[in-house]
PDB file of N, CA and C in Angstrom:
ATOM      1  N   MET A   1     -17.698   6.757  13.063  1.00  0.00           N
ATOM      2  CA  MET A   1     -16.572   6.692  13.971  1.00  0.00           C
ATOM      3  C   MET A   1     -15.477   5.782  13.413  1.00  0.00           C
ATOM      4  N   LYS A   2     -15.880   4.703  12.739  1.00  0.00           N
ATOM      5  CA  LYS A   2     -14.915   3.793  12.152  1.00  0.00           C
ATOM      6  C   LYS A   2     -14.108   4.498  11.063  1.00  0.00           C
ATOM      7  N   ASN A   3     -14.772   5.403  10.322  1.00  0.00           N
ATOM      8  CA  ASN A   3     -14.076   6.155   9.272  1.00  0.00           C
ATOM      9  C   ASN A   3     -12.997   7.057   9.845  1.00  0.00           C
ATOM     10  N   LEU A   4     -13.252   7.618  11.024  1.00  0.00           N
ATOM     11  CA  LEU A   4     -12.269   8.495  11.652  1.00  0.00           C
ATOM     12  C   LEU A   4     -10.997   7.719  11.973  1.00  0.00           C
ATOM     13  N   GLY A   5     -11.142   6.487  12.445  1.00  0.00           N
ATOM     14  CA  GLY A   5      -9.978   5.657  12.729  1.00  0.00           C
ATOM     15  C   GLY A   5      -9.207   5.338  11.462  1.00  0.00           C
ATOM     16  N   PHE A   6      -9.920   5.047  10.380  1.00  0.00           N
ATOM     17  CA  PHE A   6      -9.284   4.756   9.096  1.00  0.00           C
ATOM     18  C   PHE A   6      -8.542   5.979   8.583  1.00  0.00           C
ATOM     19  N   ILE A   7      -9.189   7.133   8.669  1.00  0.00           N
ATOM     20  CA  ILE A   7      -8.573   8.376   8.198  1.00  0.00           C
ATOM     21  C   ILE A   7      -7.329   8.687   9.026  1.00  0.00           C
ATOM     22  N   SER A   8      -7.425   8.513  10.344  1.00  0.00           N
ATOM     23  CA  SER A   8      -6.280   8.764  11.215  1.00  0.00           C
ATOM     24  C   SER A   8      -5.123   7.827  10.885  1.00  0.00           C
ATOM     25  N   ALA A   9      -5.430   6.545  10.671  1.00  0.00           N
ATOM     26  CA  ALA A   9      -4.390   5.584  10.328  1.00  0.00           C
ATOM     27  C   ALA A   9      -3.757   5.927   8.981  1.00  0.00           C
ATOM     28  N   PHE A  10      -4.588   6.295   8.016  1.00  0.00           N
ATOM     29  CA  PHE A  10      -4.079   6.660   6.695  1.00  0.00           C
ATOM     30  C   PHE A  10      -3.199   7.902   6.788  1.00  0.00           C
ATOM     31  N   LEU A  11      -3.681   8.909   7.502  1.00  0.00           N
ATOM     32  CA  LEU A  11      -2.928  10.153   7.659  1.00  0.00           C
ATOM     33  C   LEU A  11      -1.592   9.875   8.335  1.00  0.00           C
ATOM     34  N   GLY A  12      -1.622   9.105   9.407  1.00  0.00           N
ATOM     35  CA  GLY A  12      -0.383   8.782  10.112  1.00  0.00           C
ATOM     36  C   GLY A  12       0.594   8.035   9.228  1.00  0.00           C
ATOM     37  N   GLY A  13       0.097   7.063   8.468  1.00  0.00           N
ATOM     38  CA  GLY A  13       0.960   6.298   7.576  1.00  0.00           C
ATOM     39  C   GLY A  13       1.535   7.144   6.458  1.00  0.00           C
ATOM     40  N   ALA A  14       0.700   8.003   5.896  1.00  0.00           N
ATOM     41  CA  ALA A  14       1.165   8.869   4.813  1.00  0.00           C
ATOM     42  C   ALA A  14       2.235   9.834   5.301  1.00  0.00           C
ATOM     43  N   ILE A  15       2.006  10.418   6.455  1.00  0.00           N
ATOM     44  CA  ILE A  15       2.980  11.367   7.006  1.00  0.00           C
ATOM     45  C   ILE A  15       4.265  10.648   7.386  1.00  0.00           C
ATOM     46  N   ALA A  16       4.136   9.483   8.024  1.00  0.00           N
ATOM     47  CA  ALA A  16       5.327   8.737   8.427  1.00  0.00           C
ATOM     48  C   ALA A  16       6.129   8.299   7.199  1.00  0.00           C
ATOM     49  N   GLY A  17       5.449   7.835   6.167  1.00  0.00           N
ATOM     50  CA  GLY A  17       6.139   7.418   4.949  1.00  0.00           C
ATOM     51  C   GLY A  17       6.862   8.565   4.274  1.00  0.00           C
ATOM     52  N   THR A  18       6.195   9.692   4.193  1.00  0.00           N
ATOM     53  CA  THR A  18       6.819  10.880   3.604  1.00  0.00           C
ATOM     54  C   THR A  18       8.024  11.317   4.423  1.00  0.00           C
ATOM     55  N   ALA A  19       7.840  11.348   5.731  1.00  0.00           N
ATOM     56  CA  ALA A  19       8.922  11.782   6.614  1.00  0.00           C
ATOM     57  C   ALA A  19      10.128  10.860   6.509  1.00  0.00           C
ATOM     58  N   LEU A  20       9.885   9.556   6.515  1.00  0.00           N
ATOM     59  CA  LEU A  20      11.012   8.618   6.410  1.00  0.00           C
ATOM     60  C   LEU A  20      11.724   8.757   5.070  1.00  0.00           C
ATOM     61  N   GLY A  21      10.958   8.939   4.014  1.00  0.00           N
ATOM     62  CA  GLY A  21      11.570   9.134   2.707  1.00  0.00           C
ATOM     63  C   GLY A  21      12.448  10.362   2.673  1.00  0.00           C
ATOM     64  N   ILE A  22      11.986  11.413   3.277  1.00  0.00           N
ATOM     65  CA  ILE A  22      12.765  12.654   3.304  1.00  0.00           C
ATOM     66  C   ILE A  22      13.948  12.519   4.252  1.00  0.00           C
ATOM     67  N   LEU A  23      13.725  11.871   5.410  1.00  0.00           N
ATOM     68  CA  LEU A  23      14.804  11.729   6.390  1.00  0.00           C
ATOM     69  C   LEU A  23      15.952  10.870   5.865  1.00  0.00           C
ATOM     70  N   LEU A  24      15.640   9.903   5.042  1.00  0.00           N
ATOM     71  CA  LEU A  24      16.683   9.025   4.525  1.00  0.00           C
ATOM     72  C   LEU A  24      17.411   9.625   3.327  1.00  0.00           C
ATOM     73  N   ALA A  25      16.893  10.698   2.786  1.00  0.00           N
ATOM     74  CA  ALA A  25      17.556  11.380   1.672  1.00  0.00           C
ATOM     75  C   ALA A  25      18.675  12.259   2.229  1.00  0.00           C
ATOM     76  N   PRO A  26      19.796  12.338   1.519  1.00  0.00           N
ATOM     77  CA  PRO A  26      20.910  13.143   2.028  1.00  0.00           C
ATOM     78  C   PRO A  26      20.623  14.644   1.886  1.00  0.00           C
ATOM     79  N   ALA A  27      20.461  15.312   3.003  1.00  0.00           N
ATOM     80  CA  ALA A  27      20.248  16.766   3.018  1.00  0.00           C
ATOM     81  C   ALA A  27      20.575  17.283   4.416  1.00  0.00           C
ATOM     82  N   LYS A  28      20.736  18.590   4.530  1.00  0.00           N
ATOM     83  CA  LYS A  28      20.979  19.201   5.834  1.00  0.00           C
ATOM     84  C   LYS A  28      19.744  19.043   6.710  1.00  0.00           C
ATOM     85  N   GLY A  29      19.931  19.005   8.015  1.00  0.00           N
ATOM     86  CA  GLY A  29      18.833  18.836   8.962  1.00  0.00           C
ATOM     87  C   GLY A  29      17.758  19.904   8.818  1.00  0.00           C
ATOM     88  N   ALA A  30      18.165  21.157   8.713  1.00  0.00           N
ATOM     89  CA  ALA A  30      17.191  22.249   8.591  1.00  0.00           C
ATOM     90  C   ALA A  30      16.400  22.126   7.294  1.00  0.00           C
ATOM     91  N   ASP A  31      17.087  21.760   6.215  1.00  0.00           N
ATOM     92  CA  ASP A  31      16.405  21.575   4.933  1.00  0.00           C
ATOM     93  C   ASP A  31      15.408  20.422   5.016  1.00  0.00           C
ATOM     94  N   THR A  32      15.819  19.350   5.685  1.00  0.00           N
ATOM     95  CA  THR A  32      14.944  18.188   5.839  1.00  0.00           C
ATOM     96  C   THR A  32      13.696  18.543   6.628  1.00  0.00           C
ATOM     97  N   ARG A  33      13.872  19.255   7.734  1.00  0.00           N
ATOM     98  CA  ARG A  33      12.712  19.663   8.545  1.00  0.00           C
ATOM     99  C   ARG A  33      11.777  20.569   7.749  1.00  0.00           C
ATOM    100  N   ASN A  34      12.341  21.472   6.972  1.00  0.00           N
ATOM    101  CA  ASN A  34      11.516  22.348   6.142  1.00  0.00           C
ATOM    102  C   ASN A  34      10.752  21.548   5.086  1.00  0.00           C
ATOM    103  N   ASN A  35      11.416  20.559   4.497  1.00  0.00           N
ATOM    104  CA  ASN A  35      10.752  19.708   3.513  1.00  0.00           C
ATOM    105  C   ASN A  35       9.612  18.906   4.141  1.00  0.00           C
ATOM    106  N   ILE A  36       9.852  18.380   5.335  1.00  0.00           N
ATOM    107  CA  ILE A  36       8.802  17.623   6.027  1.00  0.00           C
ATOM    108  C   ILE A  36       7.619  18.536   6.326  1.00  0.00           C
ATOM    109  N   ALA A  37       7.902  19.715   6.862  1.00  0.00           N
ATOM    110  CA  ALA A  37       6.820  20.647   7.194  1.00  0.00           C
ATOM    111  C   ALA A  37       6.027  21.031   5.940  1.00  0.00           C
ATOM    112  N   ALA A  38       6.722  21.264   4.840  1.00  0.00           N
ATOM    113  CA  ALA A  38       6.038  21.626   3.598  1.00  0.00           C
ATOM    114  C   ALA A  38       5.188  20.459   3.092  1.00  0.00           C
ATOM    115  N   SER A  39       5.707  19.239   3.193  1.00  0.00           N
ATOM    116  CA  SER A  39       4.953  18.059   2.746  1.00  0.00           C
ATOM    117  C   SER A  39       3.712  17.846   3.595  1.00  0.00           C
ATOM    118  N   VAL A  40       3.858  18.000   4.903  1.00  0.00           N
ATOM    119  CA  VAL A  40       2.709  17.848   5.805  1.00  0.00           C
ATOM    120  C   VAL A  40       1.668  18.913   5.501  1.00  0.00           C
ATOM    121  N   ASP A  41       2.116  20.153   5.322  1.00  0.00           N
ATOM    122  CA  ASP A  41       1.191  21.244   5.021  1.00  0.00           C
ATOM    123  C   ASP A  41       0.450  21.001   3.714  1.00  0.00           C
ATOM    124  N   LYS A  42       1.166  20.542   2.695  1.00  0.00           N
ATOM    125  CA  LYS A  42       0.554  20.246   1.395  1.00  0.00           C
ATOM    126  C   LYS A  42      -0.477  19.122   1.529  1.00  0.00           C
ATOM    127  N   PHE A  43      -0.135  18.075   2.276  1.00  0.00           N
ATOM    128  CA  PHE A  43      -1.054  16.951   2.476  1.00  0.00           C
ATOM    129  C   PHE A  43      -2.312  17.410   3.202  1.00  0.00           C
ATOM    130  N   LEU A  44      -2.140  18.211   4.257  1.00  0.00           N
ATOM    131  CA  LEU A  44      -3.291  18.685   5.032  1.00  0.00           C
ATOM    132  C   LEU A  44      -4.209  19.551   4.176  1.00  0.00           C
ATOM    133  N   LYS A  45      -3.633  20.423   3.364  1.00  0.00           N
ATOM    134  CA  LYS A  45      -4.448  21.275   2.487  1.00  0.00           C
ATOM    135  C   LYS A  45      -5.180  20.443   1.444  1.00  0.00           C
ATOM    136  N   LYS A  46      -4.482  19.464   0.882  1.00  0.00           N
ATOM    137  CA  LYS A  46      -5.086  18.622  -0.147  1.00  0.00           C
ATOM    138  C   LYS A  46      -6.292  17.862   0.391  1.00  0.00           C
ATOM    139  N   HIS A  47      -6.221  17.427   1.644  1.00  0.00           N
ATOM    140  CA  HIS A  47      -7.296  16.634   2.249  1.00  0.00           C
ATOM    141  C   HIS A  47      -8.198  17.469   3.164  1.00  0.00           C
ATOM    142  N   ASN A  48      -8.045  18.793   3.074  1.00  0.00           N
ATOM    143  CA  ASN A  48      -8.884  19.722   3.824  1.00  0.00           C
ATOM    144  C   ASN A  48      -8.900  19.405   5.322  1.00  0.00           C
ATOM    145  N   ILE A  49      -7.712  19.172   5.879  1.00  0.00           N
ATOM    146  CA  ILE A  49      -7.559  18.901   7.305  1.00  0.00           C
ATOM    147  C   ILE A  49      -6.957  20.152   7.932  1.00  0.00           C
ATOM    148  N   SER A  50      -7.555  20.597   9.008  1.00  0.00           N
ATOM    149  CA  SER A  50      -7.126  21.837   9.642  1.00  0.00           C
ATOM    150  C   SER A  50      -6.251  21.551  10.865  1.00  0.00           C
ATOM    151  N   MET A  51      -5.012  22.043  10.813  1.00  0.00           N
ATOM    152  CA  MET A  51      -4.092  21.971  11.946  1.00  0.00           C
ATOM    153  C   MET A  51      -3.381  23.315  12.032  1.00  0.00           C
ATOM    154  N   SER A  52      -3.119  23.746  13.262  1.00  0.00           N
ATOM    155  CA  SER A  52      -2.379  24.997  13.419  1.00  0.00           C
ATOM    156  C   SER A  52      -0.912  24.763  13.073  1.00  0.00           C
ATOM    157  N   LYS A  53      -0.196  25.851  12.814  1.00  0.00           N
ATOM    158  CA  LYS A  53       1.231  25.731  12.505  1.00  0.00           C
ATOM    159  C   LYS A  53       1.979  25.108  13.678  1.00  0.00           C
ATOM    160  N   LYS A  54       1.545  25.411  14.890  1.00  0.00           N
ATOM    161  CA  LYS A  54       2.166  24.826  16.091  1.00  0.00           C
ATOM    162  C   LYS A  54       1.962  23.315  16.110  1.00  0.00           C
ATOM    163  N   GLN A  55       0.740  22.861  15.784  1.00  0.00           N
ATOM    164  CA  GLN A  55       0.474  21.428  15.758  1.00  0.00           C
ATOM    165  C   GLN A  55       1.311  20.739  14.690  1.00  0.00           C
ATOM    166  N   VAL A  56       1.444  21.368  13.531  1.00  0.00           N
ATOM    167  CA  VAL A  56       2.263  20.805  12.458  1.00  0.00           C
ATOM    168  C   VAL A  56       3.723  20.772  12.891  1.00  0.00           C
ATOM    169  N   ALA A  57       4.197  21.853  13.502  1.00  0.00           N
ATOM    170  CA  ALA A  57       5.585  21.902  13.967  1.00  0.00           C
ATOM    171  C   ALA A  57       5.843  20.828  15.017  1.00  0.00           C
ATOM    172  N   ASP A  58       4.903  20.637  15.934  1.00  0.00           N
ATOM    173  CA  ASP A  58       5.042  19.592  16.946  1.00  0.00           C
ATOM    174  C   ASP A  58       5.071  18.212  16.306  1.00  0.00           C
ATOM    175  N   LEU A  59       4.224  18.004  15.308  1.00  0.00           N
ATOM    176  CA  LEU A  59       4.193  16.730  14.597  1.00  0.00           C
ATOM    177  C   LEU A  59       5.520  16.473  13.894  1.00  0.00           C
ATOM    178  N   VAL A  60       6.065  17.496  13.251  1.00  0.00           N
ATOM    179  CA  VAL A  60       7.346  17.364  12.564  1.00  0.00           C
ATOM    180  C   VAL A  60       8.448  17.030  13.567  1.00  0.00           C
ATOM    181  N   GLU A  61       8.450  17.683  14.711  1.00  0.00           N
ATOM    182  CA  GLU A  61       9.450  17.395  15.739  1.00  0.00           C
ATOM    183  C   GLU A  61       9.325  15.965  16.242  1.00  0.00           C
ATOM    184  N   ASN A  62       8.093  15.499  16.444  1.00  0.00           N
ATOM    185  CA  ASN A  62       7.882  14.123  16.896  1.00  0.00           C
ATOM    186  C   ASN A  62       8.385  13.127  15.862  1.00  0.00           C
ATOM    187  N   ILE A  63       8.122  13.406  14.598  1.00  0.00           N
ATOM    188  CA  ILE A  63       8.602  12.524  13.528  1.00  0.00           C
ATOM    189  C   ILE A  63      10.121  12.545  13.480  1.00  0.00           C
ATOM    190  N   LYS A  64      10.699  13.728  13.618  1.00  0.00           N
ATOM    191  CA  LYS A  64      12.149  13.879  13.563  1.00  0.00           C
ATOM    192  C   LYS A  64      12.819  13.081  14.685  1.00  0.00           C
ATOM    193  N   GLU A  65      12.207  13.076  15.860  1.00  0.00           N
ATOM    194  CA  GLU A  65      12.777  12.390  17.018  1.00  0.00           C
ATOM    195  C   GLU A  65      12.542  10.886  16.998  1.00  0.00           C
ATOM    196  N   ALA A  66      11.588  10.430  16.206  1.00  0.00           N
ATOM    197  CA  ALA A  66      11.285   8.992  16.151  1.00  0.00           C
ATOM    198  C   ALA A  66      12.431   8.253  15.471  1.00  0.00           C
ATOM    199  N   GLU A  67      12.741   7.092  16.000  1.00  0.00           N
ATOM    200  CA  GLU A  67      13.778   6.277  15.406  1.00  0.00           C
ATOM    201  C   GLU A  67      13.181   5.370  14.360  1.00  0.00           C
ATOM    202  N   PRO A  68      13.742   5.357  13.159  1.00  0.00           N
ATOM    203  CA  PRO A  68      13.215   4.454  12.134  1.00  0.00           C
ATOM    204  C   PRO A  68      13.488   3.002  12.520  1.00  0.00           C
ATOM    205  N   THR A  69      12.531   2.150  12.250  1.00  0.00           N
ATOM    206  CA  THR A  69      12.682   0.726  12.557  1.00  0.00           C
ATOM    207  C   THR A  69      12.817  -0.039  11.250  1.00  0.00           C
ATOM    208  N   ILE A  70      14.028  -0.010  10.722  1.00  0.00           N
ATOM    209  CA  ILE A  70      14.276  -0.668   9.434  1.00  0.00           C
ATOM    210  C   ILE A  70      14.976  -1.981   9.694  1.00  0.00           C
TER     211      ILE A  70
END
């Protein structure tokens, strides 16, 4: 159970870091969202984590709406 918390924290941090890096790069909003979705999908496949496209899309929207705390 402790490993699940570690994996969740790692996954969240990796996705948030990737998203912030992409969000801070100059690009159109649609291109940025597509890049985030592709990065999340690649990460999930690499780590054999199963999420539906709807779950990934919801995650991307949540990340997009989050305000960076810099």
